[in-house]
């Protein structure tokens, strides 16, 4: 019965041998529950997400066994790969908007583990048993000719997994997950392994946010890269500093504080749908969280670690690597970023791609 916390993965630097390997999907981790006409979709944190994906509720009734619990990922597939921003937009309080988006950007569900089928609890069985049962259960349910439910590819061949890691990023996937074949399902425990891309980039420190518990310490630093037109664009943040370093940085950066009007970042003139440091000064997830930054003159350069890009920004929060006093801030451009080769989602999962209204 919901809620059930999903089993988690810990990051490792390389793909371990002797496991089952899957692509790492970039969407909302979810566990779906079906008991005939009753359907619930739970988030990674156990919160209900059923109302946000009405098209998946219909698909679960049509394409999954009558009584089952399945772990997977909600994604939005496009002709250019996965679109995580489109998945985020579905978490909206207005039912009319949710239903409009369900029509214009319908989601798919990528199944990768079976927790229960009928009266059988599979959580104490090995992953190899659960995987075989998942394939049989979805096949027996008689999926439609245009399915919304897909089973993730899996392999036990290490060389194939390495190829997936290198190639699938071009379709918006962000690595590989390794599952020991004898692994039982263990909710909320990091007993799987994930291998993600890690790269470095030299970025301009374009601003800061004050630490939430005190006003003399840095909470996070705004990162910028110069575009081809010479405009400094916001690309993400870093924020994992010890408190002593947060206070030191606050004092050190005060001489660089600049006015919004004179800042080279286009603080008030961003493109439609582009996330900007001062476009939305409160969080869509937490109404009390201030997202505004104090602008800084772009004179400091920092090297950061990141996994991959989402459009023109870092997909996840970047990690501090080192300061680069030897770098000219104007040399911090998008050209330094590695661009993955485009790869088709349909070549990863047959039938997965942009779903037309």
Protein backbone atom coordinates (compact mmCIF):
# COMPACT_ATOMS: atom_id res chain seq x y z
CA UNK A 1 0.00 0.00 0.00
CA UNK A 2 1.26 3.53 -0.72
CA UNK A 3 3.36 5.30 0.21
CA UNK A 4 6.51 3.26 -0.47
CA UNK A 5 9.95 4.87 -0.60
CA UNK A 6 11.95 3.80 -3.64
CA UNK A 7 15.27 2.00 -3.41
CA UNK A 8 18.14 4.44 -4.05
CA UNK A 9 21.59 4.44 -5.64
CA UNK A 10 24.93 5.81 -4.49
CA UNK A 11 27.38 7.43 -6.88
CA UNK A 12 30.51 5.49 -7.81
CA UNK A 13 33.30 6.59 -10.18
CA UNK A 14 33.14 3.66 -12.62
CA UNK A 15 30.76 0.91 -13.73
CA UNK A 16 31.21 -2.10 -11.41
CA UNK A 17 31.41 -5.63 -12.87
CA UNK A 18 28.96 -8.47 -12.24
CA UNK A 19 25.66 -6.56 -12.20
CA UNK A 20 22.60 -5.76 -14.28
CA UNK A 21 22.93 -2.39 -16.02
CA UNK A 22 20.29 0.11 -17.11
CA UNK A 23 20.30 3.61 -18.58
CA UNK A 24 19.77 6.31 -15.96
CA UNK A 25 16.59 8.15 -16.93
CA UNK A 26 16.18 11.86 -16.26
CA UNK A 27 12.68 12.53 -14.97
CA UNK A 28 10.58 12.08 -11.82
CA UNK A 29 11.29 8.87 -9.91
CA UNK A 30 7.91 7.33 -9.16
CA UNK A 31 6.24 4.19 -7.88
CA UNK A 32 2.86 3.42 -9.44
CA UNK A 33 0.20 1.37 -7.68
CA UNK A 34 -2.72 -0.23 -9.47
CA UNK A 35 -5.60 -2.17 -7.92
CA UNK A 36 -8.00 -2.58 -10.82
CA UNK A 37 -9.52 0.90 -11.37
CA UNK A 38 -7.66 2.45 -8.43
CA UNK A 39 -4.36 4.06 -9.42
CA UNK A 40 -1.88 5.99 -7.31
CA UNK A 41 1.44 7.51 -8.40
CA UNK A 42 3.90 8.24 -5.61
CA UNK A 43 6.96 10.49 -5.75
CA UNK A 44 10.47 9.70 -4.55
CA UNK A 45 9.49 11.29 -1.23
CA UNK A 46 6.26 9.31 -0.99
CA UNK A 47 4.02 12.24 -1.92
CA UNK A 48 1.06 11.63 -4.23
CA UNK A 49 1.52 12.84 -7.82
CA UNK A 50 -1.53 11.17 -9.36
CA UNK A 51 -3.40 14.40 -10.14
CA UNK A 52 -0.49 15.82 -12.14
CA UNK A 53 -0.38 13.02 -14.72
CA UNK A 54 -3.96 12.09 -15.75
CA UNK A 55 -2.72 10.62 -19.05
CA UNK A 56 -0.51 8.18 -17.14
CA UNK A 57 -3.40 7.14 -14.90
CA UNK A 58 -5.31 6.14 -18.04
CA UNK A 59 -2.22 4.41 -19.46
CA UNK A 60 -1.61 2.44 -16.25
CA UNK A 61 -5.19 1.14 -16.36
CA UNK A 62 -4.81 0.19 -20.02
CA UNK A 63 -1.26 -1.15 -20.12
CA UNK A 64 -0.36 -2.67 -16.74
CA UNK A 65 -1.63 -5.77 -14.88
CA UNK A 66 -4.81 -5.25 -12.83
CA UNK A 67 -2.98 -5.46 -9.51
CA UNK A 68 0.66 -4.42 -9.37
CA UNK A 69 3.23 -2.08 -7.85
CA UNK A 70 5.97 -0.93 -10.24
CA UNK A 71 8.97 1.33 -9.74
CA UNK A 72 10.06 3.60 -12.59
CA UNK A 73 10.59 7.09 -13.95
CA UNK A 74 8.14 9.61 -15.40
CA UNK A 75 9.68 11.29 -18.45
CA UNK A 76 8.62 13.56 -21.29
CA UNK A 77 10.14 12.46 -24.59
CA UNK A 78 10.70 14.85 -27.49
CA UNK A 79 12.27 14.62 -30.93
CA UNK A 80 15.44 16.01 -29.35
CA UNK A 81 15.60 13.73 -26.29
CA UNK A 82 14.19 13.90 -22.77
CA UNK A 83 12.77 17.21 -21.55
CA UNK A 84 13.06 17.46 -17.77
CA UNK A 85 11.72 21.03 -17.72
CA UNK A 86 8.47 19.78 -19.27
CA UNK A 87 8.10 17.24 -16.46
CA UNK A 88 8.67 19.96 -13.86
CA UNK A 89 5.96 22.13 -15.39
CA UNK A 90 3.37 19.44 -14.63
CA UNK A 91 3.55 20.17 -10.89
CA UNK A 92 1.01 22.96 -11.03
CA UNK A 93 -1.93 23.81 -8.73
CA UNK A 94 -4.35 24.56 -11.60
CA UNK A 95 -6.12 21.43 -12.81
CA UNK A 96 -6.92 23.09 -16.15
CA UNK A 97 -3.22 23.69 -16.84
CA UNK A 98 -2.28 20.14 -15.83
CA UNK A 99 -4.82 18.72 -18.26
CA UNK A 100 -3.71 21.07 -21.02
CA UNK A 101 -0.10 19.96 -20.58
CA UNK A 102 -1.20 16.31 -20.47
CA UNK A 103 -2.48 16.89 -24.01
CA UNK A 104 0.37 19.00 -25.39
CA UNK A 105 3.36 17.35 -23.65
CA UNK A 106 2.14 13.88 -22.57
CA UNK A 107 4.39 11.92 -20.25
CA UNK A 108 5.61 8.34 -20.46
CA UNK A 109 6.48 5.90 -17.68
CA UNK A 110 9.74 3.91 -17.85
CA UNK A 111 9.33 0.80 -15.69
CA UNK A 112 12.43 -0.79 -14.17
CA UNK A 113 11.42 -2.79 -11.09
CA UNK A 114 8.51 -4.89 -9.85
CA UNK A 115 7.52 -4.72 -6.18
CA UNK A 116 4.25 -6.66 -6.28
CA UNK A 117 2.02 -8.48 -8.73
CA UNK A 118 -1.37 -9.81 -7.70
CA UNK A 119 -0.98 -11.25 -4.21
CA UNK A 120 2.77 -11.81 -4.62
CA UNK A 121 5.29 -9.57 -2.84
CA UNK A 122 8.48 -9.45 -4.91
CA UNK A 123 10.54 -7.18 -2.67
CA UNK A 124 12.36 -10.08 -0.98
CA UNK A 125 13.24 -11.73 -4.27
CA UNK A 126 16.46 -11.11 -6.17
CA UNK A 127 16.61 -8.39 -8.80
CA UNK A 128 17.11 -10.96 -11.55
CA UNK A 129 13.77 -12.57 -10.55
CA UNK A 130 12.03 -9.22 -10.32
CA UNK A 131 13.31 -8.14 -13.74
CA UNK A 132 12.07 -11.32 -15.42
CA UNK A 133 8.70 -11.02 -13.69
CA UNK A 134 8.41 -7.35 -14.72
CA UNK A 135 8.98 -8.20 -18.39
CA UNK A 136 6.42 -11.03 -18.21
CA UNK A 137 3.85 -8.91 -16.36
CA UNK A 138 3.96 -6.00 -18.81
CA UNK A 139 3.97 -8.31 -21.83
CA UNK A 140 0.96 -10.25 -20.48
CA UNK A 141 -1.04 -7.06 -19.92
CA UNK A 142 -1.32 -6.48 -23.67
CA UNK A 143 0.12 -3.00 -24.18
CA UNK A 144 -1.47 -0.80 -26.82
CA UNK A 145 0.04 -0.06 -30.23
CA UNK A 146 1.08 3.39 -28.97
CA UNK A 147 2.14 2.63 -25.39
CA UNK A 148 2.85 5.12 -22.65
CA UNK A 149 4.43 2.45 -20.44
CA UNK A 150 7.87 1.15 -21.44
CA UNK A 151 10.37 -1.23 -19.85
CA UNK A 152 13.90 0.10 -19.58
CA UNK A 153 16.60 -1.80 -21.47
CA UNK A 154 18.89 -3.90 -19.27
CA UNK A 155 22.05 -5.87 -19.87
CA UNK A 156 24.57 -7.88 -17.86
CA UNK A 157 27.33 -7.14 -20.38
CA UNK A 158 29.78 -4.58 -19.02
CA UNK A 159 30.96 -3.49 -22.47
CA UNK A 160 27.39 -2.81 -23.59
CA UNK A 161 26.78 -0.76 -20.44
CA UNK A 162 29.91 1.28 -21.14
CA UNK A 163 28.61 1.98 -24.64
CA UNK A 164 25.27 3.12 -23.22
CA UNK A 165 27.08 5.45 -20.82
CA UNK A 166 28.94 7.10 -23.69
CA UNK A 167 26.14 7.20 -26.28
CA UNK A 168 22.82 7.71 -24.50
CA UNK A 169 23.72 11.11 -23.05
CA UNK A 170 22.92 12.52 -26.48
CA UNK A 171 19.27 11.60 -25.87
CA UNK A 172 19.11 13.32 -22.49
CA UNK A 173 19.95 10.37 -20.25
CA UNK A 174 22.48 11.06 -17.53
CA UNK A 175 24.44 7.86 -16.90
CA UNK A 176 24.06 4.20 -16.00
CA UNK A 177 22.58 2.39 -12.97
CA UNK A 178 24.10 -0.91 -11.80
CA UNK A 179 22.03 -3.40 -9.76
CA UNK A 180 23.58 -6.51 -8.20
CA UNK A 181 21.70 -9.54 -9.54
CA UNK A 182 20.95 -10.92 -6.06
CA UNK A 183 19.80 -7.55 -4.65
CA UNK A 184 16.46 -7.55 -2.82
CA UNK A 185 14.27 -4.44 -2.96
CA UNK A 186 15.23 -2.22 -0.01
CA UNK A 187 13.17 1.00 0.23
CA UNK A 188 15.03 4.24 1.00
CA UNK A 189 18.45 2.53 1.10
CA UNK A 190 21.33 3.35 -1.25
CA UNK A 191 22.18 -0.18 -2.30
CA UNK A 192 22.29 0.31 -6.08
CA UNK A 193 25.08 2.14 -7.91
CA UNK A 194 24.89 5.08 -10.30
CA UNK A 195 27.61 6.26 -12.62
CA UNK A 196 27.13 9.80 -13.90
CA UNK A 197 29.06 12.02 -16.27
CA UNK A 198 31.37 14.48 -14.56
CA UNK A 199 33.03 17.39 -16.32
CA UNK A 200 34.61 20.69 -15.33
CA UNK A 201 33.98 24.23 -16.53
CA UNK A 202 35.48 27.62 -15.70
CA UNK A 203 32.67 30.03 -14.79
CA UNK A 204 32.35 33.68 -13.87
CA UNK A 205 31.12 34.39 -10.34
CA UNK A 206 28.25 36.73 -11.23
CA UNK A 207 26.49 37.11 -7.87
CA UNK A 208 25.63 35.52 -4.55
CA UNK A 209 22.69 34.67 -2.35
CA UNK A 210 22.95 35.33 1.41
CA UNK A 211 22.97 32.29 3.69
CA UNK A 212 19.48 31.70 5.07
CA UNK A 213 20.47 31.54 8.76
CA UNK A 214 22.73 34.62 8.88
CA UNK A 215 23.30 37.79 6.90
CA UNK A 216 27.12 37.79 6.93
CA UNK A 217 27.67 34.54 5.03
CA UNK A 218 27.32 33.30 1.46
CA UNK A 219 24.51 30.86 0.76
CA UNK A 220 25.35 30.15 -2.87
CA UNK A 221 27.27 31.69 -5.76
CA UNK A 222 25.69 32.49 -9.11
CA UNK A 223 27.66 31.16 -12.08
CA UNK A 224 27.82 32.76 -15.51
CA UNK A 225 29.18 31.99 -18.98
CA UNK A 226 29.55 34.42 -21.87
CA UNK A 227 27.46 33.79 -24.97
CA UNK A 228 28.64 34.44 -28.50
CA UNK A 229 26.93 37.85 -28.46
CA UNK A 230 29.02 38.87 -25.43
CA UNK A 231 26.11 38.63 -22.98
CA UNK A 232 26.83 36.98 -19.61
CA UNK A 233 24.24 34.24 -19.10
CA UNK A 234 23.25 32.60 -15.81
CA UNK A 235 24.11 28.87 -15.92
CA UNK A 236 23.70 27.61 -12.34
CA UNK A 237 24.95 27.84 -8.77
CA UNK A 238 27.40 26.32 -6.32
CA UNK A 239 26.79 26.33 -2.58
CA UNK A 240 28.52 23.54 -0.64
CA UNK A 241 30.94 25.53 1.54
CA UNK A 242 31.84 25.21 5.25
CA UNK A 243 30.46 28.06 7.35
CA UNK A 244 33.92 29.58 7.90
CA UNK A 245 34.38 29.74 4.11
CA UNK A 246 30.89 31.20 3.63
CA UNK A 247 31.72 34.07 6.00
CA UNK A 248 35.16 34.62 4.47
CA UNK A 249 33.70 34.77 0.95
CA UNK A 250 30.99 37.22 2.03
CA UNK A 251 33.60 39.68 3.30
CA UNK A 252 35.91 39.11 0.33
CA UNK A 253 33.21 39.70 -2.27
CA UNK A 254 31.74 42.92 -0.86
CA UNK A 255 34.03 45.21 -2.93
CA UNK A 256 32.65 43.52 -6.09
CA UNK A 257 28.98 44.22 -5.37
CA UNK A 258 27.41 45.95 -8.39
CA UNK A 259 24.11 47.54 -9.25
CA UNK A 260 21.57 45.56 -11.23
CA UNK A 261 21.41 48.17 -13.99
CA UNK A 262 25.18 48.11 -14.63
CA UNK A 263 25.59 44.35 -14.44
CA UNK A 264 26.53 42.56 -17.72
CA UNK A 265 24.03 39.81 -16.98
CA UNK A 266 20.64 40.69 -18.51
CA UNK A 267 18.91 40.53 -15.14
CA UNK A 268 15.64 41.89 -16.41
CA UNK A 269 15.57 40.90 -20.07
CA UNK A 270 15.64 37.12 -20.36
CA UNK A 271 14.20 34.97 -23.08
CA UNK A 272 10.79 33.37 -22.63
CA UNK A 273 10.81 30.30 -20.34
CA UNK A 274 14.50 30.85 -19.43
CA UNK A 275 15.29 30.52 -15.75
CA UNK A 276 16.90 33.74 -14.56
CA UNK A 277 18.38 34.81 -11.22
CA UNK A 278 15.88 37.62 -10.69
CA UNK A 279 13.01 36.52 -12.93
CA UNK A 280 11.38 34.41 -10.22
CA UNK A 281 12.55 35.64 -6.84
CA UNK A 282 10.65 32.97 -4.89
CA UNK A 283 10.83 29.22 -5.31
CA UNK A 284 8.02 27.40 -7.12
CA UNK A 285 8.53 24.58 -4.58
CA UNK A 286 8.80 26.72 -1.44
CA UNK A 287 6.93 30.02 -1.44
CA UNK A 288 9.02 31.34 1.45
CA UNK A 289 12.39 30.72 -0.21
CA UNK A 290 14.09 33.80 -1.63
CA UNK A 291 15.85 33.13 -4.95
CA UNK A 292 17.16 36.65 -5.62
CA UNK A 293 20.90 37.30 -5.89
CA UNK A 294 23.23 40.19 -5.11
CA UNK A 295 24.98 41.05 -8.42
CA UNK A 296 28.79 41.11 -8.51
CA UNK A 297 31.19 42.62 -11.01
CA UNK A 298 32.34 39.66 -13.15
CA UNK A 299 35.97 39.58 -12.03
CA UNK A 300 36.29 36.21 -10.26
CA UNK A 301 36.55 32.82 -12.01
CA UNK A 302 35.85 29.45 -10.41
CA UNK A 303 36.29 25.94 -11.81
CA UNK A 304 33.27 23.73 -11.08
CA UNK A 305 32.28 20.11 -11.65
CA UNK A 306 29.01 19.34 -13.40
CA UNK A 307 27.32 16.30 -14.94
CA UNK A 308 25.43 17.64 -17.95
CA UNK A 309 23.49 20.57 -19.34
CA UNK A 310 19.75 21.18 -19.54
CA UNK A 311 19.48 23.64 -22.39
CA UNK A 312 21.88 26.47 -21.56
CA UNK A 313 22.19 25.69 -17.84
CA UNK A 314 23.71 23.03 -15.60
CA UNK A 315 21.08 20.33 -15.01
CA UNK A 316 22.05 19.91 -11.34
CA UNK A 317 23.81 22.10 -8.79
CA UNK A 318 27.48 22.31 -9.74
CA UNK A 319 30.28 21.48 -7.29
CA UNK A 320 33.19 23.73 -6.34
CA UNK A 321 36.54 22.51 -7.68
CA UNK A 322 39.04 25.39 -7.33
CA UNK A 323 39.48 29.10 -7.87
CA UNK A 324 41.07 30.19 -11.16
CA UNK A 325 42.83 33.56 -10.61
CA UNK A 326 44.80 32.84 -13.79
CA UNK A 327 41.72 32.93 -16.03
CA UNK A 328 40.34 36.01 -17.77
CA UNK A 329 36.60 36.12 -17.00
CA UNK A 330 35.86 37.01 -20.66
CA UNK A 331 37.38 33.66 -21.67
CA UNK A 332 34.64 31.76 -19.78
CA UNK A 333 32.35 30.96 -22.70
CA UNK A 334 30.03 28.17 -23.77
CA UNK A 335 32.64 26.97 -26.26
CA UNK A 336 34.55 25.18 -23.49
CA UNK A 337 31.60 22.85 -22.79
CA UNK A 338 31.62 19.32 -24.20
CA UNK A 339 28.63 18.61 -26.43
CA UNK A 340 27.35 15.00 -26.53
CA UNK A 341 26.51 13.46 -29.89
CA UNK A 342 22.75 13.42 -30.56
CA UNK A 343 21.13 10.03 -29.99
CA UNK A 344 17.53 8.99 -30.69
CA UNK A 345 15.26 7.89 -27.83
CA UNK A 346 13.60 5.46 -30.21
CA UNK A 347 16.91 3.63 -30.55
CA UNK A 348 16.99 3.15 -26.77
CA UNK A 349 13.36 2.09 -26.23
CA UNK A 350 11.28 1.13 -29.26
CA UNK A 351 8.33 3.48 -29.63
CA UNK A 352 9.62 6.09 -27.17
CA UNK A 353 9.65 9.56 -28.65
CA UNK A 354 7.61 12.71 -28.97
CA UNK A 355 3.92 11.84 -28.53
CA UNK A 356 1.71 13.95 -30.76
CA UNK A 357 -1.56 15.37 -29.39
